[in-house]
Protein backbone atom coordinates (compact mmCIF):
# COMPACT_ATOMS: atom_id res chain seq x y z
CA MET A 1 81.02 58.65 148.69
CA THR A 2 83.72 61.03 147.44
CA ASP A 3 85.17 61.89 150.86
CA ALA A 4 87.78 59.64 152.45
CA GLN A 5 86.07 60.18 155.78
CA TRP A 6 82.63 59.21 154.45
CA THR A 7 81.75 55.83 155.98
CA GLY A 8 78.71 54.25 154.42
CA ALA A 9 76.55 51.55 155.90
CA SER A 10 74.76 49.06 153.65
CA ALA A 11 71.96 48.38 156.14
CA PRO A 12 69.74 51.38 155.26
CA TYR A 13 69.77 50.31 151.64
CA ILE A 14 68.33 46.87 152.34
CA ARG A 15 66.01 47.51 155.31
CA PRO A 16 62.35 48.27 154.75
CA ASN A 17 60.84 51.59 155.74
CA GLN A 18 63.97 53.65 155.11
CA GLY A 19 62.58 55.66 152.18
CA ASP A 20 65.23 57.43 150.08
CA ALA A 21 68.33 56.17 151.96
CA TRP A 22 70.73 57.84 149.52
CA GLY A 23 69.02 61.19 149.73
CA LYS A 24 69.05 61.00 153.53
CA GLU A 25 72.67 59.92 153.71
CA ALA A 26 73.83 62.80 151.43
CA ALA A 27 71.64 65.36 153.23
CA SER A 28 73.13 64.30 156.58
CA ARG A 29 76.43 65.60 155.18
CA GLY A 30 74.99 68.78 153.75
CA ARG A 31 74.96 67.42 150.21
CA ALA A 32 72.28 66.65 147.63
CA GLY A 33 71.83 63.00 146.65
CA VAL A 34 69.37 62.00 143.97
CA GLN A 35 68.62 59.01 141.76
CA GLN A 36 67.55 58.96 138.17
CA ILE A 37 65.85 55.84 136.82
CA LEU A 38 67.61 54.93 133.59
CA PHE A 39 65.71 51.69 132.94
CA ALA A 40 63.17 49.41 134.63
CA GLY A 41 61.81 46.28 133.04
CA GLU A 42 62.60 42.77 131.84
CA VAL A 43 66.01 41.75 130.51
CA ALA A 44 67.92 38.57 129.94
CA ALA A 45 69.79 37.76 133.12
CA PRO A 46 73.54 38.34 132.89
CA VAL A 47 75.35 35.02 133.38
CA GLU A 48 76.73 35.89 136.84
CA VAL A 49 73.38 37.24 138.03
CA ALA A 50 71.53 34.17 136.79
CA ALA A 51 73.96 31.88 138.52
CA THR A 52 73.69 33.80 141.79
CA LEU A 53 69.90 33.75 141.65
CA GLY A 54 69.83 30.04 140.74
CA LEU A 55 68.36 30.75 137.28
CA ARG A 56 69.25 29.49 133.83
CA SER A 57 71.32 31.95 131.85
CA ASP A 58 68.50 32.39 129.31
CA GLN A 59 65.92 33.38 131.95
CA THR A 60 64.44 36.83 132.18
CA VAL A 61 64.80 38.99 135.26
CA ILE A 62 63.63 42.46 136.31
CA LEU A 63 66.35 45.06 136.10
CA ARG A 64 66.07 48.48 137.74
CA ARG A 65 69.03 50.70 136.67
CA ARG A 66 69.59 54.01 138.43
CA LEU A 67 72.12 56.77 138.04
CA ILE A 68 73.18 58.00 141.44
CA LEU A 69 74.15 61.67 141.66
CA LEU A 70 75.87 63.63 144.38
CA ASP A 71 75.50 67.41 144.02
CA LYS A 72 74.44 66.76 140.38
CA ILE A 73 77.61 64.80 139.66
CA PRO A 74 77.25 61.13 138.55
CA VAL A 75 78.89 58.93 141.18
CA GLU A 76 77.37 55.49 140.60
CA ILE A 77 75.39 53.27 138.29
CA ALA A 78 73.20 51.05 140.51
CA ASP A 79 71.55 47.95 139.00
CA SER A 80 69.16 45.77 140.97
CA TYR A 81 68.10 42.39 139.55
CA TRP A 82 65.18 40.27 140.78
CA PRO A 83 63.68 37.04 139.45
CA LEU A 84 60.31 37.46 137.71
CA HIS A 85 58.52 35.65 140.53
CA VAL A 86 59.79 38.35 142.92
CA ALA A 87 59.41 41.59 140.99
CA GLY A 88 57.42 40.86 137.83
CA GLY A 89 54.29 43.00 137.63
CA THR A 90 55.35 45.23 140.53
CA ALA A 91 56.46 48.86 140.67
CA LEU A 92 60.08 47.60 140.52
CA ALA A 93 59.50 46.82 136.86
CA SER A 94 58.24 50.34 136.07
CA PRO A 95 60.34 53.48 135.62
CA GLY A 96 58.52 55.51 138.31
CA LYS A 97 59.54 55.93 141.93
CA VAL A 98 58.65 53.08 144.26
CA LYS A 99 56.54 54.35 147.11
CA GLY A 100 58.47 53.72 150.35
CA GLY A 101 61.47 52.34 148.44
CA ALA A 102 62.29 48.96 146.98
CA PRO A 103 63.09 47.27 150.35
CA SER A 104 59.62 48.22 151.68
CA LEU A 105 57.85 46.89 148.61
CA LEU A 106 59.88 43.68 148.76
CA ALA A 107 59.00 43.26 152.46
CA ASP A 108 55.35 43.75 151.67
CA LEU A 109 55.73 40.96 149.10
CA GLY A 110 57.27 38.63 151.76
CA PHE A 111 60.95 39.15 150.87
CA ARG A 112 62.90 40.34 153.89
CA PRO A 113 66.70 40.23 154.09
CA ALA A 114 68.18 37.58 156.32
CA SER A 115 71.73 37.68 155.02
CA VAL A 116 73.81 39.85 152.72
CA THR A 117 77.06 39.11 150.90
CA GLU A 118 79.03 41.92 149.30
CA ASN A 119 82.00 41.59 146.97
CA VAL A 120 84.08 44.58 145.83
CA HIS A 121 86.60 44.66 143.03
CA THR A 122 88.15 47.00 140.49
CA ARG A 123 88.39 46.83 136.75
CA PRO A 124 88.78 49.08 133.71
CA ALA A 125 85.66 51.10 132.92
CA GLU A 126 83.64 50.07 129.87
CA PRO A 127 82.94 52.85 127.31
CA ALA A 128 79.23 53.10 128.22
CA GLU A 129 80.12 53.37 131.89
CA ARG A 130 82.64 56.13 131.20
CA GLU A 131 79.98 58.05 129.30
CA THR A 132 77.24 57.62 131.89
CA LEU A 133 79.53 58.48 134.79
CA ALA A 134 81.14 61.43 132.93
CA MET A 135 84.60 59.95 133.29
CA PRO A 136 86.93 62.02 131.00
CA ASP A 137 89.95 59.77 131.53
CA ALA A 138 89.68 56.63 129.39
CA SER A 139 92.23 54.89 131.57
CA GLU A 140 90.30 55.40 134.82
CA TRP A 141 89.13 52.25 136.55
CA VAL A 142 85.86 51.62 138.38
CA LEU A 143 85.01 50.09 141.70
CA THR A 144 82.28 47.53 141.51
CA LEU A 145 80.23 46.16 144.35
CA ARG A 146 78.01 43.10 144.01
CA ARG A 147 75.49 42.58 146.82
CA THR A 148 73.48 39.37 147.09
CA ILE A 149 70.48 39.43 149.43
CA THR A 150 68.94 36.19 150.66
CA ASP A 151 65.79 35.47 152.61
CA GLU A 152 65.38 33.36 155.75
CA SER A 153 65.42 30.20 153.65
CA ASP A 154 68.86 31.21 152.32
CA ARG A 155 67.39 31.79 148.83
CA PRO A 156 68.82 34.79 146.99
CA TYR A 157 66.11 37.14 145.80
CA GLU A 158 68.11 40.21 144.74
CA VAL A 159 71.45 40.92 143.18
CA PHE A 160 72.63 44.50 143.28
CA VAL A 161 75.56 45.65 141.13
CA SER A 162 77.12 49.07 141.65
CA VAL A 163 79.72 50.70 139.35
CA ALA A 164 81.46 53.82 140.62
CA PRO A 165 84.42 55.82 139.25
CA GLY A 166 87.76 54.91 140.80
CA ARG A 167 88.21 58.56 141.80
CA ILE A 168 86.02 57.75 144.77
CA GLY A 169 89.22 56.22 146.10
CA GLN A 170 87.86 53.86 148.67
CA LEU A 171 84.81 52.26 150.15
CA ASN A 172 84.34 52.38 153.91
CA TYR A 173 81.83 50.14 155.66
CA SER A 174 80.43 50.11 159.14
CA MET A 175 78.44 47.02 160.16
CA LYS A 176 77.04 45.90 163.50
CA VAL A 177 77.34 42.26 164.35
CA SER A 178 74.50 40.91 166.40
């Protein structure tokens, strides 16, 4: 994540039965990767998330916000949004760890990824993001990634939004095409 040679793959983060994909990825490079749950529960859907999920902008969704750390340094704010019919009343709506990870729980509920769309862009950091990510430079920008996961019926069931300090420099992806 902070190394120009670090190539990340999205697949472990959406496949069931991967456990703590971030911890494993960091450990494979001799680093310590952990997640802190900052919030889990119901929120009003942000306009863009509601539109992506096919919801009205006033509808409630489940948000699970995590702070991602690498060697105890904040490197990402990771937000996952699910419609209530997907995640309401599940461990995803609670602040504790999800046994087996979110993708495994979702698969157990019948939600398996069939397609994924990711969009990356940059923008100025918001004050709360600068604070959470310990960004001392108020002019630093952030990289944002929005991932939409759809099921076999092409219905989106999860929107993931990541915000990372621009000091990361670049995002590298490796994907296999079947």
